Amino acid sequence: NNADWLDELAYIPLLREIGRHFTINRMLTFDSVKLRLEREQPLTFLEF
């Protein structure tokens, strides 16, 4: 169950250690994001 480790994550360390490996530019190219935006459907920061 991924809750075993995801529930334990601290926000700031996650941003520093993991977030720096992801670019918004590239994340916007994925279909899961593009389709929502193209259809003008809301995509929450939570889902992002």
ModelCIF file with pLDDT and N, C-alpha, C, O atoms, coordinates in Angstrom:
data_MODEL
#
_entry.id   MODEL 
#
_entity.id                         1 
_entity.type                       polymer 
_entity.pdbx_number_of_molecules   1 
#
_entity_poly.entity_id                      1 
_entity_poly.type                           'polypeptide(L)' 
_entity_poly.nstd_linkage                   no 
_entity_poly.nstd_monomer                   no 
_entity_poly.pdbx_seq_one_letter_code       NNADWLDELAYIPLLREIGRHFTINRMLTFDSVKLRLEREQPLTFLEF 
_entity_poly.pdbx_seq_one_letter_code_can   NNADWLDELAYIPLLREIGRHFTINRMLTFDSVKLRLEREQPLTFLEF 
_entity_poly.pdbx_strand_id                 A 
#
loop_
_entity_poly_seq.entity_id 
_entity_poly_seq.num 
_entity_poly_seq.mon_id 
_entity_poly_seq.hetero 
1 1  ASN n 
1 2  ASN n 
1 3  ALA n 
1 4  ASP n 
1 5  TRP n 
1 6  LEU n 
1 7  ASP n 
1 8  GLU n 
1 9  LEU n 
1 10 ALA n 
1 11 TYR n 
1 12 ILE n 
1 13 PRO n 
1 14 LEU n 
1 15 LEU n 
1 16 ARG n 
1 17 GLU n 
1 18 ILE n 
1 19 GLY n 
1 20 ARG n 
1 21 HIS n 
1 22 PHE n 
1 23 THR n 
1 24 ILE n 
1 25 ASN n 
1 26 ARG n 
1 27 MET n 
1 28 LEU n 
1 29 THR n 
1 30 PHE n 
1 31 ASP n 
1 32 SER n 
1 33 VAL n 
1 34 LYS n 
1 35 LEU n 
1 36 ARG n 
1 37 LEU n 
1 38 GLU n 
1 39 ARG n 
1 40 GLU n 
1 41 GLN n 
1 42 PRO n 
1 43 LEU n 
1 44 THR n 
1 45 PHE n 
1 46 LEU n 
1 47 GLU n 
1 48 PHE n 
#
_struct_asym.id          A 
_struct_asym.entity_id   1 
#
loop_
_ma_qa_metric.id 
_ma_qa_metric.mode 
_ma_qa_metric.name 
_ma_qa_metric.software_group_id 
_ma_qa_metric.type 
1 global pLDDT . pLDDT 
2 local  pLDDT . pLDDT 
#
_ma_qa_metric_global.metric_id      1 
_ma_qa_metric_global.metric_value   81.73 
_ma_qa_metric_global.model_id       1 
_ma_qa_metric_global.ordinal_id     1 
#
loop_
_ma_qa_metric_local.label_asym_id 
_ma_qa_metric_local.label_comp_id 
_ma_qa_metric_local.label_seq_id 
_ma_qa_metric_local.metric_id 
_ma_qa_metric_local.metric_value 
_ma_qa_metric_local.model_id 
_ma_qa_metric_local.ordinal_id 
A ASN 1  2 97.00 1 1  
A ASN 2  2 96.00 1 2  
A ALA 3  2 95.00 1 3  
A ASP 4  2 96.00 1 4  
A TRP 5  2 95.00 1 5  
A LEU 6  2 93.00 1 6  
A ASP 7  2 93.00 1 7  
A GLU 8  2 93.00 1 8  
A LEU 9  2 91.00 1 9  
A ALA 10 2 87.00 1 10 
A TYR 11 2 81.00 1 11 
A ILE 12 2 80.00 1 12 
A PRO 13 2 83.00 1 13 
A LEU 14 2 84.00 1 14 
A LEU 15 2 80.00 1 15 
A ARG 16 2 78.00 1 16 
A GLU 17 2 83.00 1 17 
A ILE 18 2 85.00 1 18 
A GLY 19 2 84.00 1 19 
A ARG 20 2 84.00 1 20 
A HIS 21 2 84.00 1 21 
A PHE 22 2 82.00 1 22 
A THR 23 2 79.00 1 23 
A ILE 24 2 80.00 1 24 
A ASN 25 2 81.00 1 25 
A ARG 26 2 80.00 1 26 
A MET 27 2 77.00 1 27 
A LEU 28 2 78.00 1 28 
A THR 29 2 79.00 1 29 
A PHE 30 2 75.00 1 30 
A ASP 31 2 73.00 1 31 
A SER 32 2 70.00 1 32 
A VAL 33 2 77.00 1 33 
A LYS 34 2 78.00 1 34 
A LEU 35 2 76.00 1 35 
A ARG 36 2 74.00 1 36 
A LEU 37 2 77.00 1 37 
A GLU 38 2 80.00 1 38 
A ARG 39 2 78.00 1 39 
A GLU 40 2 78.00 1 40 
A GLN 41 2 79.00 1 41 
A PRO 42 2 76.00 1 42 
A LEU 43 2 78.00 1 43 
A THR 44 2 75.00 1 44 
A PHE 45 2 76.00 1 45 
A LEU 46 2 72.00 1 46 
A GLU 47 2 75.00 1 47 
A PHE 48 2 78.00 1 48 
#
loop_
_atom_site.group_PDB 
_atom_site.id 
_atom_site.type_symbol 
_atom_site.label_atom_id 
_atom_site.label_alt_id 
_atom_site.label_comp_id 
_atom_site.label_asym_id 
_atom_site.label_entity_id 
_atom_site.label_seq_id 
_atom_site.pdbx_PDB_ins_code 
_atom_site.Cartn_x 
_atom_site.Cartn_y 
_atom_site.Cartn_z 
_atom_site.occupancy 
_atom_site.B_iso_or_equiv 
_atom_site.pdbx_formal_charge 
_atom_site.auth_seq_id 
_atom_site.auth_comp_id 
_atom_site.auth_asym_id 
_atom_site.auth_atom_id 
_atom_site.pdbx_PDB_model_num 
ATOM 1   N N  . ASN A 1 1  ? 0.853   -1.186 0.000   1.00 97.00 ? 1  ASN A N  1 
ATOM 2   C CA . ASN A 1 1  ? 0.000   0.000  0.000   1.00 97.00 ? 1  ASN A CA 1 
ATOM 3   C C  . ASN A 1 1  ? 0.889   1.236  0.000   1.00 97.00 ? 1  ASN A C  1 
ATOM 4   O O  . ASN A 1 1  ? 1.690   1.426  0.916   1.00 97.00 ? 1  ASN A O  1 
ATOM 5   N N  . ASN A 1 2  ? 0.752   2.083  -1.030  1.00 96.00 ? 2  ASN A N  1 
ATOM 6   C CA . ASN A 1 2  ? 1.643   3.248  -1.096  1.00 96.00 ? 2  ASN A CA 1 
ATOM 7   C C  . ASN A 1 2  ? 1.358   4.293  -0.018  1.00 96.00 ? 2  ASN A C  1 
ATOM 8   O O  . ASN A 1 2  ? 2.128   5.240  0.141   1.00 96.00 ? 2  ASN A O  1 
ATOM 9   N N  . ALA A 1 3  ? 0.263   4.131  0.719   1.00 95.00 ? 3  ALA A N  1 
ATOM 10  C CA . ALA A 1 3  ? 0.035   5.013  1.862   1.00 95.00 ? 3  ALA A CA 1 
ATOM 11  C C  . ALA A 1 3  ? 1.114   4.812  2.929   1.00 95.00 ? 3  ALA A C  1 
ATOM 12  O O  . ALA A 1 3  ? 1.372   5.707  3.733   1.00 95.00 ? 3  ALA A O  1 
ATOM 13  N N  . ASP A 1 4  ? 1.748   3.622  2.931   1.00 96.00 ? 4  ASP A N  1 
ATOM 14  C CA . ASP A 1 4  ? 2.783   3.333  3.925   1.00 96.00 ? 4  ASP A CA 1 
ATOM 15  C C  . ASP A 1 4  ? 3.944   4.322  3.837   1.00 96.00 ? 4  ASP A C  1 
ATOM 16  O O  . ASP A 1 4  ? 4.581   4.619  4.848   1.00 96.00 ? 4  ASP A O  1 
ATOM 17  N N  . TRP A 1 5  ? 4.223   4.832  2.642   1.00 95.00 ? 5  TRP A N  1 
ATOM 18  C CA . TRP A 1 5  ? 5.307   5.821  2.528   1.00 95.00 ? 5  TRP A CA 1 
ATOM 19  C C  . TRP A 1 5  ? 4.808   7.210  2.127   1.00 95.00 ? 5  TRP A C  1 
ATOM 20  O O  . TRP A 1 5  ? 5.391   8.210  2.544   1.00 95.00 ? 5  TRP A O  1 
ATOM 21  N N  . LEU A 1 6  ? 3.751   7.292  1.333   1.00 93.00 ? 6  LEU A N  1 
ATOM 22  C CA . LEU A 1 6  ? 3.270   8.600  0.905   1.00 93.00 ? 6  LEU A CA 1 
ATOM 23  C C  . LEU A 1 6  ? 2.698   9.399  2.069   1.00 93.00 ? 6  LEU A C  1 
ATOM 24  O O  . LEU A 1 6  ? 2.866   10.617 2.132   1.00 93.00 ? 6  LEU A O  1 
ATOM 25  N N  . ASP A 1 7  ? 2.019   8.713  2.994   1.00 93.00 ? 7  ASP A N  1 
ATOM 26  C CA . ASP A 1 7  ? 1.444   9.404  4.149   1.00 93.00 ? 7  ASP A CA 1 
ATOM 27  C C  . ASP A 1 7  ? 2.527   9.985  5.062   1.00 93.00 ? 7  ASP A C  1 
ATOM 28  O O  . ASP A 1 7  ? 2.255   10.888 5.853   1.00 93.00 ? 7  ASP A O  1 
ATOM 29  N N  . GLU A 1 8  ? 3.736   9.474  4.951   1.00 93.00 ? 8  GLU A N  1 
ATOM 30  C CA . GLU A 1 8  ? 4.818   9.917  5.826   1.00 93.00 ? 8  GLU A CA 1 
ATOM 31  C C  . GLU A 1 8  ? 5.654   11.043 5.221   1.00 93.00 ? 8  GLU A C  1 
ATOM 32  O O  . GLU A 1 8  ? 6.525   11.594 5.894   1.00 93.00 ? 8  GLU A O  1 
ATOM 33  N N  . LEU A 1 9  ? 5.398   11.385 3.973   1.00 91.00 ? 9  LEU A N  1 
ATOM 34  C CA . LEU A 1 9  ? 6.211   12.399 3.312   1.00 91.00 ? 9  LEU A CA 1 
ATOM 35  C C  . LEU A 1 9  ? 5.987   13.778 3.914   1.00 91.00 ? 9  LEU A C  1 
ATOM 36  O O  . LEU A 1 9  ? 4.857   14.168 4.207   1.00 91.00 ? 9  LEU A O  1 
ATOM 37  N N  . ALA A 1 10 ? 7.067   14.498 4.092   1.00 87.00 ? 10 ALA A N  1 
ATOM 38  C CA . ALA A 1 10 ? 7.001   15.900 4.514   1.00 87.00 ? 10 ALA A CA 1 
ATOM 39  C C  . ALA A 1 10 ? 7.070   16.782 3.273   1.00 87.00 ? 10 ALA A C  1 
ATOM 40  O O  . ALA A 1 10 ? 7.857   16.521 2.363   1.00 87.00 ? 10 ALA A O  1 
ATOM 41  N N  . TYR A 1 11 ? 6.255   17.813 3.238   1.00 81.00 ? 11 TYR A N  1 
ATOM 42  C CA . TYR A 1 11 ? 6.072   18.594 2.023   1.00 81.00 ? 11 TYR A CA 1 
ATOM 43  C C  . TYR A 1 11 ? 7.363   19.256 1.537   1.00 81.00 ? 11 TYR A C  1 
ATOM 44  O O  . TYR A 1 11 ? 7.729   19.108 0.371   1.00 81.00 ? 11 TYR A O  1 
ATOM 45  N N  . ILE A 1 12 ? 8.043   19.971 2.402   1.00 80.00 ? 12 ILE A N  1 
ATOM 46  C CA . ILE A 1 12 ? 9.238   20.697 1.985   1.00 80.00 ? 12 ILE A CA 1 
ATOM 47  C C  . ILE A 1 12 ? 10.348  19.751 1.522   1.00 80.00 ? 12 ILE A C  1 
ATOM 48  O O  . ILE A 1 12 ? 10.929  19.980 0.462   1.00 80.00 ? 12 ILE A O  1 
ATOM 49  N N  . PRO A 1 13 ? 10.665  18.683 2.289   1.00 83.00 ? 13 PRO A N  1 
ATOM 50  C CA . PRO A 1 13 ? 11.657  17.726 1.792   1.00 83.00 ? 13 PRO A CA 1 
ATOM 51  C C  . PRO A 1 13 ? 11.269  17.102 0.458   1.00 83.00 ? 13 PRO A C  1 
ATOM 52  O O  . PRO A 1 13 ? 12.132  16.868 -0.388  1.00 83.00 ? 13 PRO A O  1 
ATOM 53  N N  . LEU A 1 14 ? 9.975   16.827 0.258   1.00 84.00 ? 14 LEU A N  1 
ATOM 54  C CA . LEU A 1 14 ? 9.521   16.278 -1.017  1.00 84.00 ? 14 LEU A CA 1 
ATOM 55  C C  . LEU A 1 14 ? 9.818   17.254 -2.158  1.00 84.00 ? 14 LEU A C  1 
ATOM 56  O O  . LEU A 1 14 ? 10.335  16.856 -3.201  1.00 84.00 ? 14 LEU A O  1 
ATOM 57  N N  . LEU A 1 15 ? 9.494   18.513 -1.957  1.00 80.00 ? 15 LEU A N  1 
ATOM 58  C CA . LEU A 1 15 ? 9.761   19.510 -2.980  1.00 80.00 ? 15 LEU A CA 1 
ATOM 59  C C  . LEU A 1 15 ? 11.250  19.599 -3.288  1.00 80.00 ? 15 LEU A C  1 
ATOM 60  O O  . LEU A 1 15 ? 11.642  19.687 -4.452  1.00 80.00 ? 15 LEU A O  1 
ATOM 61  N N  . ARG A 1 16 ? 12.081  19.577 -2.248  1.00 78.00 ? 16 ARG A N  1 
ATOM 62  C CA . ARG A 1 16 ? 13.523  19.744 -2.435  1.00 78.00 ? 16 ARG A CA 1 
ATOM 63  C C  . ARG A 1 16 ? 14.172  18.507 -3.057  1.00 78.00 ? 16 ARG A C  1 
ATOM 64  O O  . ARG A 1 16 ? 15.016  18.623 -3.946  1.00 78.00 ? 16 ARG A O  1 
ATOM 65  N N  . GLU A 1 17 ? 13.773  17.327 -2.587  1.00 83.00 ? 17 GLU A N  1 
ATOM 66  C CA . GLU A 1 17 ? 14.436  16.104 -3.007  1.00 83.00 ? 17 GLU A CA 1 
ATOM 67  C C  . GLU A 1 17 ? 13.853  15.503 -4.282  1.00 83.00 ? 17 GLU A C  1 
ATOM 68  O O  . GLU A 1 17 ? 14.578  14.920 -5.088  1.00 83.00 ? 17 GLU A O  1 
ATOM 69  N N  . ILE A 1 18 ? 12.554  15.646 -4.461  1.00 85.00 ? 18 ILE A N  1 
ATOM 70  C CA . ILE A 1 18 ? 11.892  15.016 -5.599  1.00 85.00 ? 18 ILE A CA 1 
ATOM 71  C C  . ILE A 1 18 ? 11.436  16.049 -6.633  1.00 85.00 ? 18 ILE A C  1 
ATOM 72  O O  . ILE A 1 18 ? 11.618  15.854 -7.835  1.00 85.00 ? 18 ILE A O  1 
ATOM 73  N N  . GLY A 1 19 ? 10.850  17.135 -6.164  1.00 84.00 ? 19 GLY A N  1 
ATOM 74  C CA . GLY A 1 19 ? 10.283  18.131 -7.069  1.00 84.00 ? 19 GLY A CA 1 
ATOM 75  C C  . GLY A 1 19 ? 11.273  18.722 -8.042  1.00 84.00 ? 19 GLY A C  1 
ATOM 76  O O  . GLY A 1 19 ? 10.900  19.093 -9.155  1.00 84.00 ? 19 GLY A O  1 
ATOM 77  N N  . ARG A 1 20 ? 12.542  18.820 -7.642  1.00 84.00 ? 20 ARG A N  1 
ATOM 78  C CA . ARG A 1 20 ? 13.547  19.420 -8.522  1.00 84.00 ? 20 ARG A CA 1 
ATOM 79  C C  . ARG A 1 20 ? 13.845  18.573 -9.762  1.00 84.00 ? 20 ARG A C  1 
ATOM 80  O O  . ARG A 1 20 ? 14.466  19.056 -10.710 1.00 84.00 ? 20 ARG A O  1 
ATOM 81  N N  . HIS A 1 21 ? 13.401  17.300 -9.757  1.00 84.00 ? 21 HIS A N  1 
ATOM 82  C CA . HIS A 1 21 ? 13.619  16.435 -10.910 1.00 84.00 ? 21 HIS A CA 1 
ATOM 83  C C  . HIS A 1 21 ? 12.493  16.535 -11.940 1.00 84.00 ? 21 HIS A C  1 
ATOM 84  O O  . HIS A 1 21 ? 12.550  15.878 -12.980 1.00 84.00 ? 21 HIS A O  1 
ATOM 85  N N  . PHE A 1 22 ? 11.479  17.342 -11.665 1.00 82.00 ? 22 PHE A N  1 
ATOM 86  C CA . PHE A 1 22 ? 10.345  17.480 -12.571 1.00 82.00 ? 22 PHE A CA 1 
ATOM 87  C C  . PHE A 1 22 ? 10.251  18.923 -13.060 1.00 82.00 ? 22 PHE A C  1 
ATOM 88  O O  . PHE A 1 22 ? 10.379  19.856 -12.267 1.00 82.00 ? 22 PHE A O  1 
ATOM 89  N N  . THR A 1 23 ? 10.031  19.108 -14.348 1.00 79.00 ? 23 THR A N  1 
ATOM 90  C CA . THR A 1 23 ? 9.816   20.438 -14.898 1.00 79.00 ? 23 THR A CA 1 
ATOM 91  C C  . THR A 1 23 ? 8.350   20.602 -15.281 1.00 79.00 ? 23 THR A C  1 
ATOM 92  O O  . THR A 1 23 ? 7.725   19.676 -15.798 1.00 79.00 ? 23 THR A O  1 
ATOM 93  N N  . ILE A 1 24 ? 7.817   21.779 -15.023 1.00 80.00 ? 24 ILE A N  1 
ATOM 94  C CA . ILE A 1 24 ? 6.437   22.073 -15.405 1.00 80.00 ? 24 ILE A CA 1 
ATOM 95  C C  . ILE A 1 24 ? 6.288   21.958 -16.919 1.00 80.00 ? 24 ILE A C  1 
ATOM 96  O O  . ILE A 1 24 ? 5.261   21.490 -17.409 1.00 80.00 ? 24 ILE A O  1 
ATOM 97  N N  . ASN A 1 25 ? 7.312   22.385 -17.659 1.00 81.00 ? 25 ASN A N  1 
ATOM 98  C CA . ASN A 1 25 ? 7.261   22.331 -19.119 1.00 81.00 ? 25 ASN A CA 1 
ATOM 99  C C  . ASN A 1 25 ? 6.931   20.922 -19.594 1.00 81.00 ? 25 ASN A C  1 
ATOM 100 O O  . ASN A 1 25 ? 6.052   20.717 -20.432 1.00 81.00 ? 25 ASN A O  1 
ATOM 101 N N  . ARG A 1 26 ? 7.661   19.949 -19.033 1.00 80.00 ? 26 ARG A N  1 
ATOM 102 C CA . ARG A 1 26 ? 7.457   18.569 -19.464 1.00 80.00 ? 26 ARG A CA 1 
ATOM 103 C C  . ARG A 1 26 ? 6.149   17.988 -18.939 1.00 80.00 ? 26 ARG A C  1 
ATOM 104 O O  . ARG A 1 26 ? 5.472   17.242 -19.646 1.00 80.00 ? 26 ARG A O  1 
ATOM 105 N N  . MET A 1 27 ? 5.792   18.324 -17.713 1.00 77.00 ? 27 MET A N  1 
ATOM 106 C CA . MET A 1 27 ? 4.556   17.804 -17.143 1.00 77.00 ? 27 MET A CA 1 
ATOM 107 C C  . MET A 1 27 ? 3.343   18.244 -17.945 1.00 77.00 ? 27 MET A C  1 
ATOM 108 O O  . MET A 1 27 ? 2.351   17.519 -18.030 1.00 77.00 ? 27 MET A O  1 
ATOM 109 N N  . LEU A 1 28 ? 3.421   19.439 -18.538 1.00 78.00 ? 28 LEU A N  1 
ATOM 110 C CA . LEU A 1 28 ? 2.308   19.949 -19.339 1.00 78.00 ? 28 LEU A CA 1 
ATOM 111 C C  . LEU A 1 28 ? 2.154   19.214 -20.664 1.00 78.00 ? 28 LEU A C  1 
ATOM 112 O O  . LEU A 1 28 ? 1.125   19.348 -21.326 1.00 78.00 ? 28 LEU A O  1 
ATOM 113 N N  . THR A 1 29 ? 3.161   18.439 -21.060 1.00 79.00 ? 29 THR A N  1 
ATOM 114 C CA . THR A 1 29 ? 3.084   17.716 -22.329 1.00 79.00 ? 29 THR A CA 1 
ATOM 115 C C  . THR A 1 29 ? 2.363   16.383 -22.214 1.00 79.00 ? 29 THR A C  1 
ATOM 116 O O  . THR A 1 29 ? 2.004   15.794 -23.234 1.00 79.00 ? 29 THR A O  1 
ATOM 117 N N  . PHE A 1 30 ? 2.141   15.887 -20.990 1.00 75.00 ? 30 PHE A N  1 
ATOM 118 C CA . PHE A 1 30 ? 1.513   14.585 -20.829 1.00 75.00 ? 30 PHE A CA 1 
ATOM 119 C C  . PHE A 1 30 ? 0.011   14.659 -21.105 1.00 75.00 ? 30 PHE A C  1 
ATOM 120 O O  . PHE A 1 30 ? -0.651  15.640 -20.767 1.00 75.00 ? 30 PHE A O  1 
ATOM 121 N N  . ASP A 1 31 ? -0.503  13.608 -21.721 1.00 73.00 ? 31 ASP A N  1 
ATOM 122 C CA . ASP A 1 31 ? -1.904  13.588 -22.134 1.00 73.00 ? 31 ASP A CA 1 
ATOM 123 C C  . ASP A 1 31 ? -2.860  13.851 -20.975 1.00 73.00 ? 31 ASP A C  1 
ATOM 124 O O  . ASP A 1 31 ? -3.866  14.540 -21.144 1.00 73.00 ? 31 ASP A O  1 
ATOM 125 N N  . SER A 1 32 ? -2.548  13.301 -19.789 1.00 70.00 ? 32 SER A N  1 
ATOM 126 C CA . SER A 1 32 ? -3.441  13.455 -18.643 1.00 70.00 ? 32 SER A CA 1 
ATOM 127 C C  . SER A 1 32 ? -3.660  14.920 -18.296 1.00 70.00 ? 32 SER A C  1 
ATOM 128 O O  . SER A 1 32 ? -4.720  15.296 -17.793 1.00 70.00 ? 32 SER A O  1 
ATOM 129 N N  . VAL A 1 33 ? -2.647  15.749 -18.567 1.00 77.00 ? 33 VAL A N  1 
ATOM 130 C CA . VAL A 1 33 ? -2.746  17.186 -18.322 1.00 77.00 ? 33 VAL A CA 1 
ATOM 131 C C  . VAL A 1 33 ? -3.289  17.906 -19.546 1.00 77.00 ? 33 VAL A C  1 
ATOM 132 O O  . VAL A 1 33 ? -4.203  18.724 -19.442 1.00 77.00 ? 33 VAL A O  1 
ATOM 133 N N  . LYS A 1 34 ? -2.716  17.596 -20.715 1.00 78.00 ? 34 LYS A N  1 
ATOM 134 C CA . LYS A 1 34 ? -3.080  18.294 -21.946 1.00 78.00 ? 34 LYS A CA 1 
ATOM 135 C C  . LYS A 1 34 ? -4.569  18.207 -22.254 1.00 78.00 ? 34 LYS A C  1 
ATOM 136 O O  . LYS A 1 34 ? -5.187  19.205 -22.626 1.00 78.00 ? 34 LYS A O  1 
ATOM 137 N N  . LEU A 1 35 ? -5.149  17.013 -22.099 1.00 76.00 ? 35 LEU A N  1 
ATOM 138 C CA . LEU A 1 35 ? -6.550  16.822 -22.442 1.00 76.00 ? 35 LEU A CA 1 
ATOM 139 C C  . LEU A 1 35 ? -7.465  17.698 -21.603 1.00 76.00 ? 35 LEU A C  1 
ATOM 140 O O  . LEU A 1 35 ? -8.417  18.289 -22.114 1.00 76.00 ? 35 LEU A O  1 
ATOM 141 N N  . ARG A 1 36 ? -7.170  17.778 -20.314 1.00 74.00 ? 36 ARG A N  1 
ATOM 142 C CA . ARG A 1 36 ? -7.971  18.633 -19.435 1.00 74.00 ? 36 ARG A CA 1 
ATOM 143 C C  . ARG A 1 36 ? -7.886  20.095 -19.882 1.00 74.00 ? 36 ARG A C  1 
ATOM 144 O O  . ARG A 1 36 ? -8.901  20.783 -19.991 1.00 74.00 ? 36 ARG A O  1 
ATOM 145 N N  . LEU A 1 37 ? -6.670  20.551 -20.134 1.00 77.00 ? 37 LEU A N  1 
ATOM 146 C CA . LEU A 1 37 ? -6.466  21.947 -20.489 1.00 77.00 ? 37 LEU A CA 1 
ATOM 147 C C  . LEU A 1 37 ? -7.082  22.275 -21.844 1.00 77.00 ? 37 LEU A C  1 
ATOM 148 O O  . LEU A 1 37 ? -7.693  23.331 -22.011 1.00 77.00 ? 37 LEU A O  1 
ATOM 149 N N  . GLU A 1 38 ? -6.922  21.362 -22.823 1.00 80.00 ? 38 GLU A N  1 
ATOM 150 C CA . GLU A 1 38 ? -7.482  21.587 -24.146 1.00 80.00 ? 38 GLU A CA 1 
ATOM 151 C C  . GLU A 1 38 ? -8.999  21.665 -24.117 1.00 80.00 ? 38 GLU A C  1 
ATOM 152 O O  . GLU A 1 38 ? -9.609  22.409 -24.885 1.00 80.00 ? 38 GLU A O  1 
ATOM 153 N N  . ARG A 1 39 ? -9.607  20.885 -23.220 1.00 78.00 ? 39 ARG A N  1 
ATOM 154 C CA . ARG A 1 39 ? -11.061 20.881 -23.101 1.00 78.00 ? 39 ARG A CA 1 
ATOM 155 C C  . ARG A 1 39 ? -11.565 21.922 -22.120 1.00 78.00 ? 39 ARG A C  1 
ATOM 156 O O  . ARG A 1 39 ? -12.760 21.998 -21.836 1.00 78.00 ? 39 ARG A O  1 
ATOM 157 N N  . GLU A 1 40 ? -10.637 22.729 -21.602 1.00 78.00 ? 40 GLU A N  1 
ATOM 158 C CA . GLU A 1 40 ? -10.957 23.784 -20.632 1.00 78.00 ? 40 GLU A CA 1 
ATOM 159 C C  . GLU A 1 40 ? -11.675 23.216 -19.411 1.00 78.00 ? 40 GLU A C  1 
ATOM 160 O O  . GLU A 1 40 ? -12.564 23.844 -18.837 1.00 78.00 ? 40 GLU A O  1 
ATOM 161 N N  . GLN A 1 41 ? -11.259 22.008 -19.033 1.00 79.00 ? 41 GLN A N  1 
ATOM 162 C CA . GLN A 1 41 ? -11.742 21.378 -17.813 1.00 79.00 ? 41 GLN A CA 1 
ATOM 163 C C  . GLN A 1 41 ? -10.753 21.670 -16.690 1.00 79.00 ? 41 GLN A C  1 
ATOM 164 O O  . GLN A 1 41 ? -9.547  21.720 -16.933 1.00 79.00 ? 41 GLN A O  1 
ATOM 165 N N  . PRO A 1 42 ? -11.239 21.863 -15.470 1.00 76.00 ? 42 PRO A N  1 
ATOM 166 C CA . PRO A 1 42 ? -10.318 22.187 -14.373 1.00 76.00 ? 42 PRO A CA 1 
ATOM 167 C C  . PRO A 1 42 ? -9.403  21.016 -14.025 1.00 76.00 ? 42 PRO A C  1 
ATOM 168 O O  . PRO A 1 42 ? -9.835  19.864 -14.002 1.00 76.00 ? 42 PRO A O  1 
ATOM 169 N N  . LEU A 1 43 ? -8.162  21.318 -13.760 1.00 78.00 ? 43 LEU A N  1 
ATOM 170 C CA . LEU A 1 43 ? -7.179  20.358 -13.272 1.00 78.00 ? 43 LEU A CA 1 
ATOM 171 C C  . LEU A 1 43 ? -6.610  20.935 -11.987 1.00 78.00 ? 43 LEU A C  1 
ATOM 172 O O  . LEU A 1 43 ? -5.863  21.913 -12.019 1.00 78.00 ? 43 LEU A O  1 
ATOM 173 N N  . THR A 1 44 ? -6.957  20.339 -10.864 1.00 75.00 ? 44 THR A N  1 
ATOM 174 C CA . THR A 1 44 ? -6.543  20.889 -9.587  1.00 75.00 ? 44 THR A CA 1 
ATOM 175 C C  . THR A 1 44 ? -5.050  20.663 -9.341  1.00 75.00 ? 44 THR A C  1 
ATOM 176 O O  . THR A 1 44 ? -4.437  19.766 -9.919  1.00 75.00 ? 44 THR A O  1 
ATOM 177 N N  . PHE A 1 45 ? -4.495  21.482 -8.487  1.00 76.00 ? 45 PHE A N  1 
ATOM 178 C CA . PHE A 1 45 ? -3.106  21.307 -8.099  1.00 76.00 ? 45 PHE A CA 1 
ATOM 179 C C  . PHE A 1 45 ? -2.907  19.955 -7.423  1.00 76.00 ? 45 PHE A C  1 
ATOM 180 O O  . PHE A 1 45 ? -1.852  19.332 -7.546  1.00 76.00 ? 45 PHE A O  1 
ATOM 181 N N  . LEU A 1 46 ? -3.938  19.511 -6.706  1.00 72.00 ? 46 LEU A N  1 
ATOM 182 C CA . LEU A 1 46 ? -3.904  18.197 -6.070  1.00 72.00 ? 46 LEU A CA 1 
ATOM 183 C C  . LEU A 1 46 ? -3.652  17.118 -7.114  1.00 72.00 ? 46 LEU A C  1 
ATOM 184 O O  . LEU A 1 46 ? -2.748  16.298 -6.952  1.00 72.00 ? 46 LEU A O  1 
ATOM 185 N N  . GLU A 1 47 ? -4.452  17.109 -8.194  1.00 75.00 ? 47 GLU A N  1 
ATOM 186 C CA . GLU A 1 47 ? -4.307  16.111 -9.247  1.00 75.00 ? 47 GLU A CA 1 
ATOM 187 C C  . GLU A 1 47 ? -2.984  16.267 -10.000 1.00 75.00 ? 47 GLU A C  1 
ATOM 188 O O  . GLU A 1 47 ? -2.383  15.280 -10.427 1.00 75.00 ? 47 GLU A O  1 
ATOM 189 N N  . PHE A 1 48 ? -2.543  17.499 -10.155 1.00 78.00 ? 48 PHE A N  1 
ATOM 190 C CA . PHE A 1 48 ? -1.306  17.763 -10.877 1.00 78.00 ? 48 PHE A CA 1 
ATOM 191 C C  . PHE A 1 48 ? -0.115  17.064 -10.220 1.00 78.00 ? 48 PHE A C  1 
ATOM 192 O O  . PHE A 1 48 ? 1.012   17.180 -10.701 1.00 78.00 ? 48 PHE A O  1 
#
